[in-house]
Amino acid sequence: MRGERAGMPADMTIRAATAADAAVLAAFRVELGRAHGLDDPALEGGYLERCRAFFAGGLATGTVLAWLAFAGDRPVGGAVLELRVTLPRPRSPSAPTVDGRVRSVIVVPEHRRRGIATALMREVIGAAEHAAVDRLTLGASEMGEGLYAALGFVPRPREMEFRPAPGRGQPGP
């Protein structure tokens, strides 16, 4: 997609990622970790390789969809959509029910505020609609809240995350 059609600068393009792009997506994921305050030891120990393997496998099987934004040949942004088949919901017209989770939306600092994240998110939303996603969610940073709200995302109440007390171990199956 040329940038002019998406409200981006004309020198920008966006394309769907393939398994061959897993290393680029993994590098963006590590960069997001740094931007969210993870220190280098947390990002070492094979994290980059685990992310690369995750993206390669998910893109190959279709459980992960992703897009990359380019300035010329240089990747300057990306967005990921994870798909998961879930239990049917009472008001869901489809079976099986599919949940989508937006992950790893990033634009490198020197290319921000140029419409790239919006264009990436439009790709994500379009793919979610095409895949008949019943529920599309994401975690928003303060920087991204305005963008996501403008696209129709609303805060969700009552969500919690399990964090075991030290020494209590992990939850069972």
C-alpha atoms as a PDB file:
ATOM      1  CA  MET A   1       0.000   0.000   0.000  1.00  0.00           C
ATOM      2  CA  ARG A   2       1.406   3.388  -0.948  1.00  0.00           C
ATOM      3  CA  GLY A   3       1.438   6.025   1.753  1.00  0.00           C
ATOM      4  CA  GLU A   4      -0.767   8.525  -0.082  1.00  0.00           C
ATOM      5  CA  ARG A   5      -3.807   6.249   0.227  1.00  0.00           C
ATOM      6  CA  ALA A   6      -3.351   5.843   3.980  1.00  0.00           C
ATOM      7  CA  GLY A   7      -2.715   9.476   4.910  1.00  0.00           C
ATOM      8  CA  MET A   8       1.009   8.761   5.316  1.00  0.00           C
ATOM      9  CA  PRO A   9       3.869  10.460   3.517  1.00  0.00           C
ATOM     10  CA  ALA A  10       4.209   9.286  -0.101  1.00  0.00           C
ATOM     11  CA  ASP A  11       7.615   7.668   0.543  1.00  0.00           C
ATOM     12  CA  MET A  12       6.085   5.212   3.052  1.00  0.00           C
ATOM     13  CA  THR A  13       4.730   1.774   2.286  1.00  0.00           C
ATOM     14  CA  ILE A  14       3.033  -0.880   4.369  1.00  0.00           C
ATOM     15  CA  ARG A  15       2.950  -4.570   3.574  1.00  0.00           C
ATOM     16  CA  ALA A  16       1.908  -7.777   5.279  1.00  0.00           C
ATOM     17  CA  ALA A  17       4.768  -9.514   7.057  1.00  0.00           C
ATOM     18  CA  THR A  18       5.796 -13.065   6.260  1.00  0.00           C
ATOM     19  CA  ALA A  19       7.740 -15.625   8.261  1.00  0.00           C
ATOM     20  CA  ALA A  20      10.862 -14.226   6.563  1.00  0.00           C
ATOM     21  CA  ASP A  21      10.244 -10.961   8.472  1.00  0.00           C
ATOM     22  CA  ALA A  22      10.315 -12.642  11.896  1.00  0.00           C
ATOM     23  CA  ALA A  23      13.716 -11.173  12.825  1.00  0.00           C
ATOM     24  CA  VAL A  24      12.537  -7.611  12.091  1.00  0.00           C
ATOM     25  CA  LEU A  25       9.381  -8.126  14.166  1.00  0.00           C
ATOM     26  CA  ALA A  26      11.462  -9.626  16.992  1.00  0.00           C
ATOM     27  CA  ALA A  27      13.830  -6.643  16.973  1.00  0.00           C
ATOM     28  CA  PHE A  28      10.834  -4.291  17.193  1.00  0.00           C
ATOM     29  CA  ARG A  29       9.473  -6.361  20.117  1.00  0.00           C
ATOM     30  CA  VAL A  30      12.772  -6.009  21.992  1.00  0.00           C
ATOM     31  CA  GLU A  31      12.768  -2.265  21.286  1.00  0.00           C
ATOM     32  CA  LEU A  32       9.251  -2.011  22.740  1.00  0.00           C
ATOM     33  CA  GLY A  33      10.511  -3.772  25.863  1.00  0.00           C
ATOM     34  CA  ARG A  34      13.233  -1.163  26.262  1.00  0.00           C
ATOM     35  CA  ALA A  35      10.746   1.661  25.666  1.00  0.00           C
ATOM     36  CA  HIS A  36       8.543   0.238  28.431  1.00  0.00           C
ATOM     37  CA  GLY A  37      11.387   0.185  30.926  1.00  0.00           C
ATOM     38  CA  LEU A  38      12.718  -3.361  30.762  1.00  0.00           C
ATOM     39  CA  ASP A  39      16.403  -3.353  31.532  1.00  0.00           C
ATOM     40  CA  ASP A  40      18.974  -5.177  29.428  1.00  0.00           C
ATOM     41  CA  PRO A  41      19.187  -8.281  31.667  1.00  0.00           C
ATOM     42  CA  ALA A  42      15.425  -8.847  31.193  1.00  0.00           C
ATOM     43  CA  LEU A  43      15.898  -8.656  27.424  1.00  0.00           C
ATOM     44  CA  GLU A  44      18.867 -11.020  27.350  1.00  0.00           C
ATOM     45  CA  GLY A  45      18.898 -14.782  27.723  1.00  0.00           C
ATOM     46  CA  GLY A  46      17.521 -15.538  24.314  1.00  0.00           C
ATOM     47  CA  TYR A  47      14.503 -13.186  24.353  1.00  0.00           C
ATOM     48  CA  LEU A  48      15.202 -11.917  20.832  1.00  0.00           C
ATOM     49  CA  GLU A  49      15.478 -15.475  19.501  1.00  0.00           C
ATOM     50  CA  ARG A  50      12.324 -16.598  21.334  1.00  0.00           C
ATOM     51  CA  CYS A  51      10.438 -13.673  19.788  1.00  0.00           C
ATOM     52  CA  ARG A  52      11.824 -14.500  16.333  1.00  0.00           C
ATOM     53  CA  ALA A  53      10.735 -18.132  16.681  1.00  0.00           C
ATOM     54  CA  PHE A  54       7.284 -17.054  17.892  1.00  0.00           C
ATOM     55  CA  PHE A  55       6.764 -14.735  14.929  1.00  0.00           C
ATOM     56  CA  ALA A  56       8.120 -17.240  12.398  1.00  0.00           C
ATOM     57  CA  GLY A  57       5.825 -19.986  13.682  1.00  0.00           C
ATOM     58  CA  GLY A  58       2.744 -17.808  14.121  1.00  0.00           C
ATOM     59  CA  LEU A  59       3.072 -16.163  10.716  1.00  0.00           C
ATOM     60  CA  ALA A  60       3.574 -19.563   9.077  1.00  0.00           C
ATOM     61  CA  THR A  61       0.461 -21.061  10.716  1.00  0.00           C
ATOM     62  CA  GLY A  62      -1.769 -17.988  10.485  1.00  0.00           C
ATOM     63  CA  THR A  63      -2.255 -17.568  14.231  1.00  0.00           C
ATOM     64  CA  VAL A  64      -0.255 -14.340  13.949  1.00  0.00           C
ATOM     65  CA  LEU A  65      -0.734 -11.650  11.316  1.00  0.00           C
ATOM     66  CA  ALA A  66       1.615  -8.688  11.095  1.00  0.00           C
ATOM     67  CA  TRP A  67       2.394  -5.631   8.997  1.00  0.00           C
ATOM     68  CA  LEU A  68       5.544  -3.629   8.496  1.00  0.00           C
ATOM     69  CA  ALA A  69       5.877   0.021   7.501  1.00  0.00           C
ATOM     70  CA  PHE A  70       8.848   1.053   5.382  1.00  0.00           C
ATOM     71  CA  ALA A  71      10.616   4.302   4.533  1.00  0.00           C
ATOM     72  CA  GLY A  72      12.276   3.150   1.333  1.00  0.00           C
ATOM     73  CA  ASP A  73      13.797  -0.225   2.222  1.00  0.00           C
ATOM     74  CA  ARG A  74      14.093   0.526   5.955  1.00  0.00           C
ATOM     75  CA  PRO A  75      11.457  -0.907   8.325  1.00  0.00           C
ATOM     76  CA  VAL A  76      10.220   1.964  10.513  1.00  0.00           C
ATOM     77  CA  GLY A  77       7.149   0.448  12.150  1.00  0.00           C
ATOM     78  CA  GLY A  78       5.080  -2.628  12.686  1.00  0.00           C
ATOM     79  CA  ALA A  79       1.929  -4.058  14.217  1.00  0.00           C
ATOM     80  CA  VAL A  80       0.950  -7.606  15.171  1.00  0.00           C
ATOM     81  CA  LEU A  81      -2.432  -9.325  15.501  1.00  0.00           C
ATOM     82  CA  GLU A  82      -2.658 -12.588  17.435  1.00  0.00           C
ATOM     83  CA  LEU A  83      -5.714 -14.753  16.670  1.00  0.00           C
ATOM     84  CA  ARG A  84      -7.150 -17.292  19.091  1.00  0.00           C
ATOM     85  CA  VAL A  85     -10.201 -19.534  18.851  1.00  0.00           C
ATOM     86  CA  THR A  86     -12.247 -19.208  22.049  1.00  0.00           C
ATOM     87  CA  LEU A  87     -15.444 -20.421  23.661  1.00  0.00           C
ATOM     88  CA  PRO A  88     -18.661 -19.224  22.022  1.00  0.00           C
ATOM     89  CA  ARG A  89     -20.260 -16.142  23.535  1.00  0.00           C
ATOM     90  CA  PRO A  90     -24.038 -15.812  23.933  1.00  0.00           C
ATOM     91  CA  ARG A  91     -24.251 -12.802  21.595  1.00  0.00           C
ATOM     92  CA  SER A  92     -21.646 -13.946  19.093  1.00  0.00           C
ATOM     93  CA  PRO A  93     -23.116 -14.805  15.683  1.00  0.00           C
ATOM     94  CA  SER A  94     -20.128 -16.880  14.627  1.00  0.00           C
ATOM     95  CA  ALA A  95     -18.846 -20.296  15.539  1.00  0.00           C
ATOM     96  CA  PRO A  96     -16.064 -20.766  16.282  1.00  0.00           C
ATOM     97  CA  THR A  97     -15.527 -17.494  18.103  1.00  0.00           C
ATOM     98  CA  VAL A  98     -12.208 -15.793  17.381  1.00  0.00           C
ATOM     99  CA  ASP A  99     -10.493 -13.303  19.670  1.00  0.00           C
ATOM    100  CA  GLY A 100      -7.858 -10.933  18.362  1.00  0.00           C
ATOM    101  CA  ARG A 101      -5.174  -9.249  20.426  1.00  0.00           C
ATOM    102  CA  VAL A 102      -3.196  -6.349  18.979  1.00  0.00           C
ATOM    103  CA  ARG A 103       0.457  -6.534  19.995  1.00  0.00           C
ATOM    104  CA  SER A 104       3.729  -4.778  19.311  1.00  0.00           C
ATOM    105  CA  VAL A 105       2.510  -1.599  17.604  1.00  0.00           C
ATOM    106  CA  ILE A 106       5.644   0.459  17.112  1.00  0.00           C
ATOM    107  CA  VAL A 107       6.943   3.324  14.982  1.00  0.00           C
ATOM    108  CA  VAL A 108      10.564   4.389  15.357  1.00  0.00           C
ATOM    109  CA  PRO A 109      10.849   7.825  17.012  1.00  0.00           C
ATOM    110  CA  GLU A 110      11.982   9.808  13.967  1.00  0.00           C
ATOM    111  CA  HIS A 111       8.911   8.652  11.980  1.00  0.00           C
ATOM    112  CA  ARG A 112       6.208   9.181  14.616  1.00  0.00           C
ATOM    113  CA  ARG A 113       3.260  11.566  14.236  1.00  0.00           C
ATOM    114  CA  ARG A 114       3.123  10.987  10.475  1.00  0.00           C
ATOM    115  CA  GLY A 115       0.099   8.667  10.289  1.00  0.00           C
ATOM    116  CA  ILE A 116       2.071   5.423  10.209  1.00  0.00           C
ATOM    117  CA  ALA A 117       0.602   3.899  13.388  1.00  0.00           C
ATOM    118  CA  THR A 118      -2.897   4.824  12.213  1.00  0.00           C
ATOM    119  CA  ALA A 119      -2.284   3.142   8.852  1.00  0.00           C
ATOM    120  CA  LEU A 120      -0.872   0.043  10.566  1.00  0.00           C
ATOM    121  CA  MET A 121      -3.882  -0.133  12.873  1.00  0.00           C
ATOM    122  CA  ARG A 122      -6.263   0.179   9.926  1.00  0.00           C
ATOM    123  CA  GLU A 123      -4.565  -2.884   8.438  1.00  0.00           C
ATOM    124  CA  VAL A 124      -5.008  -4.723  11.751  1.00  0.00           C
ATOM    125  CA  ILE A 125      -8.685  -3.754  12.044  1.00  0.00           C
ATOM    126  CA  GLY A 126      -9.378  -4.715   8.422  1.00  0.00           C
ATOM    127  CA  ALA A 127      -7.729  -8.108   8.895  1.00  0.00           C
ATOM    128  CA  ALA A 128      -9.662  -8.653  12.133  1.00  0.00           C
ATOM    129  CA  GLU A 129     -12.916  -7.945  10.302  1.00  0.00           C
ATOM    130  CA  HIS A 130     -11.907 -10.291   7.476  1.00  0.00           C
ATOM    131  CA  ALA A 131     -11.098 -13.028  10.009  1.00  0.00           C
ATOM    132  CA  ALA A 132     -14.494 -12.494  11.709  1.00  0.00           C
ATOM    133  CA  VAL A 133     -12.804 -11.592  14.998  1.00  0.00           C
ATOM    134  CA  ASP A 134     -15.511 -11.380  17.657  1.00  0.00           C
ATOM    135  CA  ARG A 135     -13.473  -9.398  20.204  1.00  0.00           C
ATOM    136  CA  LEU A 136     -10.446  -7.226  19.394  1.00  0.00           C
ATOM    137  CA  THR A 137      -8.385  -6.007  22.356  1.00  0.00           C
ATOM    138  CA  LEU A 138      -5.069  -4.328  23.075  1.00  0.00           C
ATOM    139  CA  GLY A 139      -3.018  -2.885  25.880  1.00  0.00           C
ATOM    140  CA  ALA A 140      -2.420   0.831  25.369  1.00  0.00           C
ATOM    141  CA  SER A 141       0.482   2.973  26.480  1.00  0.00           C
ATOM    142  CA  GLU A 142      -0.291   6.584  27.361  1.00  0.00           C
ATOM    143  CA  MET A 143       1.204   7.587  24.020  1.00  0.00           C
ATOM    144  CA  GLY A 144      -1.147   5.276  22.110  1.00  0.00           C
ATOM    145  CA  GLU A 145      -4.410   5.886  23.992  1.00  0.00           C
ATOM    146  CA  GLY A 146      -5.538   8.789  21.788  1.00  0.00           C
ATOM    147  CA  LEU A 147      -4.836   6.883  18.575  1.00  0.00           C
ATOM    148  CA  TYR A 148      -6.715   3.803  19.730  1.00  0.00           C
ATOM    149  CA  ALA A 149      -9.671   5.832  21.025  1.00  0.00           C
ATOM    150  CA  ALA A 150      -9.909   7.658  17.676  1.00  0.00           C
ATOM    151  CA  LEU A 151     -10.099   4.263  15.951  1.00  0.00           C
ATOM    152  CA  GLY A 152     -12.959   3.083  18.184  1.00  0.00           C
ATOM    153  CA  PHE A 153     -11.238   1.258  21.049  1.00  0.00           C
ATOM    154  CA  VAL A 154     -12.706   1.869  24.504  1.00  0.00           C
ATOM    155  CA  PRO A 155     -11.331   1.037  27.977  1.00  0.00           C
ATOM    156  CA  ARG A 156     -12.528  -2.261  29.444  1.00  0.00           C
ATOM    157  CA  PRO A 157     -13.433  -2.524  33.102  1.00  0.00           C
ATOM    158  CA  ARG A 158     -12.877  -5.526  35.327  1.00  0.00           C
ATOM    159  CA  GLU A 159      -9.798  -6.967  33.685  1.00  0.00           C
ATOM    160  CA  MET A 160      -7.227  -8.411  36.025  1.00  0.00           C
ATOM    161  CA  GLU A 161      -3.906 -10.177  35.636  1.00  0.00           C
ATOM    162  CA  PHE A 162      -2.701 -13.013  37.871  1.00  0.00           C
ATOM    163  CA  ARG A 163       0.611 -12.433  39.600  1.00  0.00           C
ATOM    164  CA  PRO A 164       1.461 -15.135  42.143  1.00  0.00           C
ATOM    165  CA  ALA A 165       2.916 -14.138  45.476  1.00  0.00           C
ATOM    166  CA  PRO A 166       6.592 -15.052  45.845  1.00  0.00           C
ATOM    167  CA  GLY A 167       6.897 -18.702  46.753  1.00  0.00           C
ATOM    168  CA  ARG A 168       3.343 -19.627  45.739  1.00  0.00           C
ATOM    169  CA  GLY A 169       4.270 -20.878  42.299  1.00  0.00           C
ATOM    170  CA  GLN A 170       2.224 -20.769  39.155  1.00  0.00           C
ATOM    171  CA  PRO A 171      -1.458 -21.628  38.738  1.00  0.00           C
ATOM    172  CA  GLY A 172      -2.343 -25.184  37.790  1.00  0.00           C
ATOM    173  CA  PRO A 173      -3.916 -26.313  34.521  1.00  0.00           C
END
